PDB file of N, CA and C in Angstrom:
ATOM      1  N   UNK A   1      92.457 139.227 114.012  1.00  0.00           N
ATOM      2  CA  UNK A   1      93.337 138.930 112.894  1.00  0.00           C
ATOM      3  C   UNK A   1      94.291 137.814 113.278  1.00  0.00           C
ATOM      4  N   UNK A   2      94.409 136.844 112.401  1.00  0.00           N
ATOM      5  CA  UNK A   2      95.286 135.701 112.650  1.00  0.00           C
ATOM      6  C   UNK A   2      96.722 136.031 112.296  1.00  0.00           C
ATOM      7  N   UNK A   3      97.655 135.486 113.077  1.00  0.00           N
ATOM      8  CA  UNK A   3      99.064 135.687 112.713  1.00  0.00           C
ATOM      9  C   UNK A   3      99.397 134.888 111.446  1.00  0.00           C
ATOM     10  N   UNK A   4     100.364 135.370 110.725  1.00  0.00           N
ATOM     11  CA  UNK A   4     100.792 134.677 109.512  1.00  0.00           C
ATOM     12  C   UNK A   4     101.389 133.323 109.882  1.00  0.00           C
ATOM     13  N   UNK A   5     101.137 132.296 109.082  1.00  0.00           N
ATOM     14  CA  UNK A   5     101.706 130.986 109.398  1.00  0.00           C
ATOM     15  C   UNK A   5     103.230 131.012 109.283  1.00  0.00           C
ATOM     16  N   UNK A   6     103.851 130.241 110.152  1.00  0.00           N
ATOM     17  CA  UNK A   6     105.311 130.136 110.113  1.00  0.00           C
ATOM     18  C   UNK A   6     105.709 129.182 108.999  1.00  0.00           C
ATOM     19  N   UNK A   7     106.826 129.462 108.339  1.00  0.00           N
ATOM     20  CA  UNK A   7     107.268 128.536 107.287  1.00  0.00           C
ATOM     21  C   UNK A   7     107.625 127.180 107.901  1.00  0.00           C
ATOM     22  N   UNK A   8     107.320 126.148 107.164  1.00  0.00           N
ATOM     23  CA  UNK A   8     107.603 124.790 107.626  1.00  0.00           C
ATOM     24  C   UNK A   8     108.843 124.287 106.906  1.00  0.00           C
ATOM     25  N   UNK A   9     109.764 123.789 107.683  1.00  0.00           N
ATOM     26  CA  UNK A   9     110.966 123.203 107.077  1.00  0.00           C
ATOM     27  C   UNK A   9     110.711 121.725 106.840  1.00  0.00           C
ATOM     28  N   UNK A  10     110.960 121.314 105.654  1.00  0.00           N
ATOM     29  CA  UNK A  10     110.783 119.899 105.326  1.00  0.00           C
ATOM     30  C   UNK A  10     112.097 119.338 104.844  1.00  0.00           C
ATOM     31  N   UNK A  11     112.366 118.167 105.334  1.00  0.00           N
ATOM     32  CA  UNK A  11     113.585 117.499 104.915  1.00  0.00           C
ATOM     33  C   UNK A  11     113.194 116.344 104.019  1.00  0.00           C
ATOM     34  N   UNK A  12     113.743 116.303 102.834  1.00  0.00           N
ATOM     35  CA  UNK A  12     113.430 115.229 101.901  1.00  0.00           C
ATOM     36  C   UNK A  12     114.253 114.001 102.268  1.00  0.00           C
ATOM     37  N   UNK A  13     113.567 112.903 102.472  1.00  0.00           N
ATOM     38  CA  UNK A  13     114.254 111.644 102.730  1.00  0.00           C
ATOM     39  C   UNK A  13     113.683 110.586 101.815  1.00  0.00           C
ATOM     40  N   UNK A  14     114.486 109.677 101.457  1.00  0.00           N
ATOM     41  CA  UNK A  14     114.026 108.553 100.653  1.00  0.00           C
ATOM     42  C   UNK A  14     113.407 107.526 101.595  1.00  0.00           C
ATOM     43  N   UNK A  15     112.148 107.225 101.392  1.00  0.00           N
ATOM     44  CA  UNK A  15     111.466 106.241 102.224  1.00  0.00           C
ATOM     45  C   UNK A  15     111.312 104.968 101.404  1.00  0.00           C
ATOM     46  N   UNK A  16     111.921 103.886 101.861  1.00  0.00           N
ATOM     47  CA  UNK A  16     111.781 102.649 101.096  1.00  0.00           C
ATOM     48  C   UNK A  16     110.342 102.158 101.133  1.00  0.00           C
ATOM     49  N   UNK A  17     109.920 101.545 100.056  1.00  0.00           N
ATOM     50  CA  UNK A  17     108.565 101.007 100.018  1.00  0.00           C
ATOM     51  C   UNK A  17     108.527  99.680 100.754  1.00  0.00           C
ATOM     52  N   UNK A  18     107.335  99.199 101.003  1.00  0.00           N
ATOM     53  CA  UNK A  18     107.173  97.910 101.681  1.00  0.00           C
ATOM     54  C   UNK A  18     107.818  96.808 100.862  1.00  0.00           C
ATOM     55  N   UNK A  19     107.672  96.894  99.536  1.00  0.00           N
ATOM     56  CA  UNK A  19     108.263  95.864  98.689  1.00  0.00           C
ATOM     57  C   UNK A  19     109.785  95.873  98.796  1.00  0.00           C
ATOM     58  N   UNK A  20     110.384  97.051  98.894  1.00  0.00           N
ATOM     59  CA  UNK A  20     111.838  97.130  99.029  1.00  0.00           C
ATOM     60  C   UNK A  20     112.290  96.582 100.382  1.00  0.00           C
ATOM     61  N   UNK A  21     111.531  96.874 101.414  1.00  0.00           N
ATOM     62  CA  UNK A  21     111.892  96.395 102.744  1.00  0.00           C
ATOM     63  C   UNK A  21     111.842  94.873 102.794  1.00  0.00           C
ATOM     64  N   UNK A  22     110.814  94.307 102.212  1.00  0.00           N
ATOM     65  CA  UNK A  22     110.642  92.858 102.247  1.00  0.00           C
ATOM     66  C   UNK A  22     111.482  92.135 101.202  1.00  0.00           C
ATOM     67  N   UNK A  23     111.944  92.871 100.231  1.00  0.00           N
ATOM     68  CA  UNK A  23     112.716  92.245  99.173  1.00  0.00           C
ATOM     69  C   UNK A  23     111.844  91.511  98.169  1.00  0.00           C
ATOM     70  N   UNK A  24     110.546  91.738  98.201  1.00  0.00           N
ATOM     71  CA  UNK A  24     109.631  91.095  97.267  1.00  0.00           C
ATOM     72  C   UNK A  24     109.718  91.771  95.903  1.00  0.00           C
ATOM     73  N   UNK A  25     109.160  91.126  94.925  1.00  0.00           N
ATOM     74  CA  UNK A  25     109.063  91.749  93.617  1.00  0.00           C
ATOM     75  C   UNK A  25     107.605  92.119  93.380  1.00  0.00           C
ATOM     76  N   UNK A  26     107.383  93.061  92.522  1.00  0.00           N
ATOM     77  CA  UNK A  26     106.017  93.491  92.223  1.00  0.00           C
ATOM     78  C   UNK A  26     105.732  93.254  90.756  1.00  0.00           C
ATOM     79  N   UNK A  27     104.509  92.938  90.488  1.00  0.00           N
ATOM     80  CA  UNK A  27     104.058  92.753  89.120  1.00  0.00           C
ATOM     81  C   UNK A  27     103.005  93.808  88.835  1.00  0.00           C
ATOM     82  N   UNK A  28     103.171  94.530  87.754  1.00  0.00           N
ATOM     83  CA  UNK A  28     102.184  95.527  87.368  1.00  0.00           C
ATOM     84  C   UNK A  28     101.154  94.838  86.488  1.00  0.00           C
ATOM     85  N   UNK A  29      99.899  94.949  86.884  1.00  0.00           N
ATOM     86  CA  UNK A  29      98.810  94.314  86.150  1.00  0.00           C
ATOM     87  C   UNK A  29      97.819  95.389  85.740  1.00  0.00           C
ATOM     88  N   UNK A  30      97.484  95.438  84.472  1.00  0.00           N
ATOM     89  CA  UNK A  30      96.506  96.410  83.994  1.00  0.00           C
ATOM     90  C   UNK A  30      95.117  95.815  84.191  1.00  0.00           C
ATOM     91  N   UNK A  31      94.271  96.580  84.851  1.00  0.00           N
ATOM     92  CA  UNK A  31      92.891  96.155  85.092  1.00  0.00           C
ATOM     93  C   UNK A  31      91.984  97.165  84.428  1.00  0.00           C
ATOM     94  N   UNK A  32      91.067  96.679  83.602  1.00  0.00           N
ATOM     95  CA  UNK A  32      90.162  97.602  82.932  1.00  0.00           C
ATOM     96  C   UNK A  32      88.764  97.014  82.886  1.00  0.00           C
ATOM     97  N   UNK A  33      87.871  97.763  82.355  1.00  0.00           N
ATOM     98  CA  UNK A  33      86.491  97.324  82.222  1.00  0.00           C
ATOM     99  C   UNK A  33      85.716  98.346  81.427  1.00  0.00           C
ATOM    100  N   UNK A  34      84.502  98.014  81.086  1.00  0.00           N
ATOM    101  CA  UNK A  34      83.673  98.902  80.269  1.00  0.00           C
ATOM    102  C   UNK A  34      83.227 100.130  81.044  1.00  0.00           C
ATOM    103  N   UNK A  35      83.098  99.994  82.379  1.00  0.00           N
ATOM    104  CA  UNK A  35      82.667 101.112  83.208  1.00  0.00           C
ATOM    105  C   UNK A  35      83.221 100.918  84.609  1.00  0.00           C
ATOM    106  N   UNK A  36      82.939 101.857  85.492  1.00  0.00           N
ATOM    107  CA  UNK A  36      83.489 101.800  86.852  1.00  0.00           C
ATOM    108  C   UNK A  36      82.996 100.593  87.631  1.00  0.00           C
ATOM    109  N   UNK A  37      81.832 100.069  87.285  1.00  0.00           N
ATOM    110  CA  UNK A  37      81.287  98.904  87.971  1.00  0.00           C
ATOM    111  C   UNK A  37      82.108  97.661  87.631  1.00  0.00           C
ATOM    112  N   UNK A  38      82.423  97.497  86.354  1.00  0.00           N
ATOM    113  CA  UNK A  38      83.272  96.376  85.930  1.00  0.00           C
ATOM    114  C   UNK A  38      84.686  96.514  86.489  1.00  0.00           C
ATOM    115  N   UNK A  39      85.220  97.733  86.475  1.00  0.00           N
ATOM    116  CA  UNK A  39      86.577  97.937  86.984  1.00  0.00           C
ATOM    117  C   UNK A  39      86.653  97.599  88.469  1.00  0.00           C
ATOM    118  N   UNK A  40      85.687  98.047  89.255  1.00  0.00           N
ATOM    119  CA  UNK A  40      85.730  97.745  90.692  1.00  0.00           C
ATOM    120  C   UNK A  40      85.624  96.251  90.941  1.00  0.00           C
ATOM    121  N   UNK A  41      84.779  95.566  90.179  1.00  0.00           N
ATOM    122  CA  UNK A  41      84.659  94.114  90.330  1.00  0.00           C
ATOM    123  C   UNK A  41      85.943  93.414  89.877  1.00  0.00           C
ATOM    124  N   UNK A  42      86.587  93.923  88.838  1.00  0.00           N
ATOM    125  CA  UNK A  42      87.849  93.341  88.375  1.00  0.00           C
ATOM    126  C   UNK A  42      88.956  93.520  89.412  1.00  0.00           C
ATOM    127  N   UNK A  43      89.004  94.693  90.044  1.00  0.00           N
ATOM    128  CA  UNK A  43      89.990  94.930  91.092  1.00  0.00           C
ATOM    129  C   UNK A  43      89.724  93.998  92.272  1.00  0.00           C
ATOM    130  N   UNK A  44      88.465  93.882  92.666  1.00  0.00           N
ATOM    131  CA  UNK A  44      88.105  92.995  93.776  1.00  0.00           C
ATOM    132  C   UNK A  44      88.452  91.547  93.453  1.00  0.00           C
ATOM    133  N   UNK A  45      88.219  91.131  92.216  1.00  0.00           N
ATOM    134  CA  UNK A  45      88.548  89.763  91.804  1.00  0.00           C
ATOM    135  C   UNK A  45      90.051  89.529  91.868  1.00  0.00           C
ATOM    136  N   UNK A  46      90.822  90.484  91.398  1.00  0.00           N
ATOM    137  CA  UNK A  46      92.286  90.375  91.453  1.00  0.00           C
ATOM    138  C   UNK A  46      92.753  90.299  92.902  1.00  0.00           C
ATOM    139  N   UNK A  47      92.197  91.139  93.753  1.00  0.00           N
ATOM    140  CA  UNK A  47      92.525  91.099  95.173  1.00  0.00           C
ATOM    141  C   UNK A  47      92.199  89.730  95.752  1.00  0.00           C
ATOM    142  N   UNK A  48      91.065  89.188  95.379  1.00  0.00           N
ATOM    143  CA  UNK A  48      90.633  87.866  95.867  1.00  0.00           C
ATOM    144  C   UNK A  48      91.590  86.760  95.394  1.00  0.00           C
ATOM    145  N   UNK A  49      92.152  86.921  94.218  1.00  0.00           N
ATOM    146  CA  UNK A  49      93.115  85.930  93.712  1.00  0.00           C
ATOM    147  C   UNK A  49      94.413  85.973  94.500  1.00  0.00           C
ATOM    148  N   UNK A  50      94.812  87.165  94.930  1.00  0.00           N
ATOM    149  CA  UNK A  50      96.053  87.331  95.686  1.00  0.00           C
ATOM    150  C   UNK A  50      95.869  86.886  97.129  1.00  0.00           C
ATOM    151  N   UNK A  51      94.773  87.305  97.718  1.00  0.00           N
ATOM    152  CA  UNK A  51      94.454  86.948  99.100  1.00  0.00           C
ATOM    153  C   UNK A  51      92.943  86.847  99.196  1.00  0.00           C
ATOM    154  N   UNK A  52      92.427  85.672  99.541  1.00  0.00           N
ATOM    155  CA  UNK A  52      90.967  85.519  99.567  1.00  0.00           C
ATOM    156  C   UNK A  52      90.265  86.609 100.377  1.00  0.00           C
ATOM    157  N   UNK A  53      89.258  87.182  99.764  1.00  0.00           N
ATOM    158  CA  UNK A  53      88.477  88.252 100.383  1.00  0.00           C
ATOM    159  C   UNK A  53      87.297  87.627 101.116  1.00  0.00           C
ATOM    160  N   UNK A  54      87.152  87.955 102.385  1.00  0.00           N
ATOM    161  CA  UNK A  54      86.025  87.437 103.151  1.00  0.00           C
ATOM    162  C   UNK A  54      84.969  88.505 103.406  1.00  0.00           C
ATOM    163  N   UNK A  55      85.295  89.761 103.128  1.00  0.00           N
ATOM    164  CA  UNK A  55      84.365  90.872 103.305  1.00  0.00           C
ATOM    165  C   UNK A  55      84.388  91.746 102.068  1.00  0.00           C
ATOM    166  N   UNK A  56      83.235  92.300 101.744  1.00  0.00           N
ATOM    167  CA  UNK A  56      83.153  93.254 100.643  1.00  0.00           C
ATOM    168  C   UNK A  56      82.281  94.419 101.092  1.00  0.00           C
ATOM    169  N   UNK A  57      82.685  95.608 100.690  1.00  0.00           N
ATOM    170  CA  UNK A  57      81.897  96.807 100.953  1.00  0.00           C
ATOM    171  C   UNK A  57      81.289  97.220  99.617  1.00  0.00           C
ATOM    172  N   UNK A  58      79.977  97.230  99.562  1.00  0.00           N
ATOM    173  CA  UNK A  58      79.265  97.577  98.334  1.00  0.00           C
ATOM    174  C   UNK A  58      78.829  99.033  98.450  1.00  0.00           C
ATOM    175  N   UNK A  59      79.270  99.856  97.511  1.00  0.00           N
ATOM    176  CA  UNK A  59      78.967 101.290  97.552  1.00  0.00           C
ATOM    177  C   UNK A  59      78.365 101.739  96.229  1.00  0.00           C
ATOM    178  N   UNK A  60      77.626 102.824  96.303  1.00  0.00           N
ATOM    179  CA  UNK A  60      77.089 103.421  95.088  1.00  0.00           C
ATOM    180  C   UNK A  60      78.225 103.929  94.226  1.00  0.00           C
ATOM    181  N   UNK A  61      78.207 103.602  92.968  1.00  0.00           N
ATOM    182  CA  UNK A  61      79.290 103.989  92.077  1.00  0.00           C
ATOM    183  C   UNK A  61      79.082 105.316  91.386  1.00  0.00           C
ATOM    184  N   UNK A  62      77.952 105.950  91.614  1.00  0.00           N
ATOM    185  CA  UNK A  62      77.677 107.202  90.920  1.00  0.00           C
ATOM    186  C   UNK A  62      78.398 108.389  91.550  1.00  0.00           C
ATOM    187  N   UNK A  63      78.681 108.315  92.839  1.00  0.00           N
ATOM    188  CA  UNK A  63      79.297 109.445  93.542  1.00  0.00           C
ATOM    189  C   UNK A  63      80.655 109.048  94.108  1.00  0.00           C
ATOM    190  N   UNK A  64      81.674 109.773  93.734  1.00  0.00           N
ATOM    191  CA  UNK A  64      83.029 109.488  94.195  1.00  0.00           C
ATOM    192  C   UNK A  64      83.158 109.486  95.720  1.00  0.00           C
ATOM    193  N   UNK A  65      82.493 110.383  96.462  1.00  0.00           N
ATOM    194  CA  UNK A  65      82.641 110.366  97.920  1.00  0.00           C
ATOM    195  C   UNK A  65      82.251 109.039  98.573  1.00  0.00           C
ATOM    196  N   UNK A  66      81.284 108.327  97.989  1.00  0.00           N
ATOM    197  CA  UNK A  66      80.913 107.026  98.543  1.00  0.00           C
ATOM    198  C   UNK A  66      82.100 106.071  98.536  1.00  0.00           C
ATOM    199  N   UNK A  67      82.765 106.023  97.421  1.00  0.00           N
ATOM    200  CA  UNK A  67      83.901 105.115  97.291  1.00  0.00           C
ATOM    201  C   UNK A  67      85.063 105.560  98.168  1.00  0.00           C
ATOM    202  N   UNK A  68      85.317 106.853  98.212  1.00  0.00           N
ATOM    203  CA  UNK A  68      86.423 107.364  99.024  1.00  0.00           C
ATOM    204  C   UNK A  68      86.185 107.078 100.500  1.00  0.00           C
ATOM    205  N   UNK A  69      84.955 107.272 100.959  1.00  0.00           N
ATOM    206  CA  UNK A  69      84.667 107.056 102.371  1.00  0.00           C
ATOM    207  C   UNK A  69      84.768 105.590 102.759  1.00  0.00           C
ATOM    208  N   UNK A  70      84.666 104.685 101.806  1.00  0.00           N
ATOM    209  CA  UNK A  70      84.775 103.249 102.100  1.00  0.00           C
ATOM    210  C   UNK A  70      86.230 102.786 102.146  1.00  0.00           C
ATOM    211  N   UNK A  71      87.149 103.602 101.676  1.00  0.00           N
ATOM    212  CA  UNK A  71      88.551 103.195 101.595  1.00  0.00           C
ATOM    213  C   UNK A  71      89.178 102.840 102.930  1.00  0.00           C
ATOM    214  N   UNK A  72      88.973 103.681 103.934  1.00  0.00           N
ATOM    215  CA  UNK A  72      89.557 103.419 105.255  1.00  0.00           C
ATOM    216  C   UNK A  72      89.043 102.144 105.879  1.00  0.00           C
ATOM    217  N   UNK A  73      87.722 101.981 105.990  1.00  0.00           N
ATOM    218  CA  UNK A  73      87.207 100.735 106.547  1.00  0.00           C
ATOM    219  C   UNK A  73      87.612  99.499 105.736  1.00  0.00           C
ATOM    220  N   UNK A  74      87.662  99.629 104.424  1.00  0.00           N
ATOM    221  CA  UNK A  74      88.065  98.495 103.590  1.00  0.00           C
ATOM    222  C   UNK A  74      89.507  98.103 103.876  1.00  0.00           C
ATOM    223  N   UNK A  75      90.382  99.091 103.972  1.00  0.00           N
ATOM    224  CA  UNK A  75      91.790  98.800 104.267  1.00  0.00           C
ATOM    225  C   UNK A  75      91.948  98.188 105.657  1.00  0.00           C
ATOM    226  N   UNK A  76      91.196  98.690 106.627  1.00  0.00           N
ATOM    227  CA  UNK A  76      91.311  98.200 107.999  1.00  0.00           C
ATOM    228  C   UNK A  76      90.823  96.766 108.147  1.00  0.00           C
ATOM    229  N   UNK A  77      89.869  96.373 107.320  1.00  0.00           N
ATOM    230  CA  UNK A  77      89.292  95.030 107.453  1.00  0.00           C
ATOM    231  C   UNK A  77      89.714  94.071 106.343  1.00  0.00           C
ATOM    232  N   UNK A  78      90.529  94.545 105.402  1.00  0.00           N
ATOM    233  CA  UNK A  78      90.941  93.683 104.288  1.00  0.00           C
ATOM    234  C   UNK A  78      89.793  93.384 103.335  1.00  0.00           C
ATOM    235  N   UNK A  79      88.872  94.314 103.249  1.00  0.00           N
ATOM    236  CA  UNK A  79      87.682  94.131 102.416  1.00  0.00           C
ATOM    237  C   UNK A  79      87.902  94.674 101.015  1.00  0.00           C
ATOM    238  N   UNK A  80      87.154  94.130 100.078  1.00  0.00           N
ATOM    239  CA  UNK A  80      87.130  94.666  98.716  1.00  0.00           C
ATOM    240  C   UNK A  80      86.044  95.727  98.651  1.00  0.00           C
ATOM    241  N   UNK A  81      86.210  96.694  97.759  1.00  0.00           N
ATOM    242  CA  UNK A  81      85.186  97.700  97.506  1.00  0.00           C
ATOM    243  C   UNK A  81      84.597  97.404  96.133  1.00  0.00           C
ATOM    244  N   UNK A  82      83.289  97.258  96.088  1.00  0.00           N
ATOM    245  CA  UNK A  82      82.606  96.962  94.832  1.00  0.00           C
ATOM    246  C   UNK A  82      81.550  98.031  94.592  1.00  0.00           C
ATOM    247  N   UNK A  83      81.597  98.650  93.407  1.00  0.00           N
ATOM    248  CA  UNK A  83      80.617  99.675  93.048  1.00  0.00           C
ATOM    249  C   UNK A  83      79.367  99.015  92.473  1.00  0.00           C
ATOM    250  N   UNK A  84      78.246  99.644  92.738  1.00  0.00           N
ATOM    251  CA  UNK A  84      76.998  99.194  92.138  1.00  0.00           C
ATOM    252  C   UNK A  84      76.116 100.399  91.848  1.00  0.00           C
ATOM    253  N   UNK A  85      75.095 100.177  91.088  1.00  0.00           N
ATOM    254  CA  UNK A  85      74.146 101.245  90.794  1.00  0.00           C
ATOM    255  C   UNK A  85      73.207 101.392  91.991  1.00  0.00           C
ATOM    256  N   UNK A  86      72.662 102.582  92.168  1.00  0.00           N
ATOM    257  CA  UNK A  86      71.788 102.845  93.311  1.00  0.00           C
ATOM    258  C   UNK A  86      70.491 102.051  93.242  1.00  0.00           C
ATOM    259  N   UNK A  87      69.998 101.814  92.056  1.00  0.00           N
ATOM    260  CA  UNK A  87      68.696 101.168  91.899  1.00  0.00           C
ATOM    261  C   UNK A  87      68.728  99.655  92.067  1.00  0.00           C
ATOM    262  N   UNK A  88      69.874  99.041  91.789  1.00  0.00           N
ATOM    263  CA  UNK A  88      69.961  97.580  91.880  1.00  0.00           C
ATOM    264  C   UNK A  88      71.418  97.157  91.916  1.00  0.00           C
ATOM    265  N   UNK A  89      71.644  95.943  92.338  1.00  0.00           N
ATOM    266  CA  UNK A  89      73.002  95.399  92.374  1.00  0.00           C
ATOM    267  C   UNK A  89      73.476  95.172  90.942  1.00  0.00           C
ATOM    268  N   UNK A  90      74.607  95.777  90.592  1.00  0.00           N
ATOM    269  CA  UNK A  90      75.107  95.633  89.224  1.00  0.00           C
ATOM    270  C   UNK A  90      75.558  94.193  88.978  1.00  0.00           C
ATOM    271  N   UNK A  91      75.530  93.791  87.726  1.00  0.00           N
ATOM    272  CA  UNK A  91      75.925  92.424  87.373  1.00  0.00           C
ATOM    273  C   UNK A  91      77.371  92.152  87.770  1.00  0.00           C
ATOM    274  N   UNK A  92      78.325  93.079  87.526  1.00  0.00           N
ATOM    275  CA  UNK A  92      79.701  92.808  87.946  1.00  0.00           C
ATOM    276  C   UNK A  92      79.833  92.642  89.466  1.00  0.00           C
ATOM    277  N   UNK A  93      79.106  93.449  90.236  1.00  0.00           N
ATOM    278  CA  UNK A  93      79.150  93.326  91.698  1.00  0.00           C
ATOM    279  C   UNK A  93      78.567  91.989  92.130  1.00  0.00           C
ATOM    280  N   UNK A  94      77.466  91.606  91.531  1.00  0.00           N
ATOM    281  CA  UNK A  94      76.822  90.326  91.851  1.00  0.00           C
ATOM    282  C   UNK A  94      77.752  89.167  91.537  1.00  0.00           C
ATOM    283  N   UNK A  95      78.416  89.219  90.399  1.00  0.00           N
ATOM    284  CA  UNK A  95      79.326  88.139  89.996  1.00  0.00           C
ATOM    285  C   UNK A  95      80.490  88.034  90.990  1.00  0.00           C
ATOM    286  N   UNK A  96      81.044  89.176  91.421  1.00  0.00           N
ATOM    287  CA  UNK A  96      82.138  89.107  92.381  1.00  0.00           C
ATOM    288  C   UNK A  96      81.660  88.538  93.713  1.00  0.00           C
ATOM    289  N   UNK A  97      80.509  88.995  94.185  1.00  0.00           N
ATOM    290  CA  UNK A  97      80.000  88.494  95.467  1.00  0.00           C
ATOM    291  C   UNK A  97      79.761  86.986  95.419  1.00  0.00           C
ATOM    292  N   UNK A  98      79.285  86.472  94.277  1.00  0.00           N
ATOM    293  CA  UNK A  98      79.122  85.023  94.115  1.00  0.00           C
ATOM    294  C   UNK A  98      80.473  84.320  94.168  1.00  0.00           C
ATOM    295  N   UNK A  99      81.476  84.922  93.522  1.00  0.00           N
ATOM    296  CA  UNK A  99      82.827  84.339  93.497  1.00  0.00           C
ATOM    297  C   UNK A  99      83.434  84.280  94.897  1.00  0.00           C
ATOM    298  N   UNK A 100      83.237  85.316  95.657  1.00  0.00           N
ATOM    299  CA  UNK A 100      83.903  85.446  96.957  1.00  0.00           C
ATOM    300  C   UNK A 100      83.178  84.751  98.105  1.00  0.00           C
ATOM    301  N   UNK A 101      82.079  84.075  97.825  1.00  0.00           N
ATOM    302  CA  UNK A 101      81.332  83.386  98.895  1.00  0.00           C
ATOM    303  C   UNK A 101      82.177  82.355  99.587  1.00  0.00           C
TER     304      UNK A 101
END
């Protein structure tokens, strides 16, 4: 039998965001598309406009775990994540890859 977990004391602190630390301003931009494939390509395109993307991770868009598992490597390498269909490269993914060459 396992012992009961001890209560954890948490102290609430205000953590400044990176934007607050740097004194930068942020712009909220709405990104949409007809489906998840268009949305991922639109996000990648926006990222490329802010900072040129030299790497892209292409993942199947049908299963959420594929995209989630690509998040860490994408963040570590500054890569964009682009969803595509399992059977073929989606048109939005293809268009982004052409743009980012």
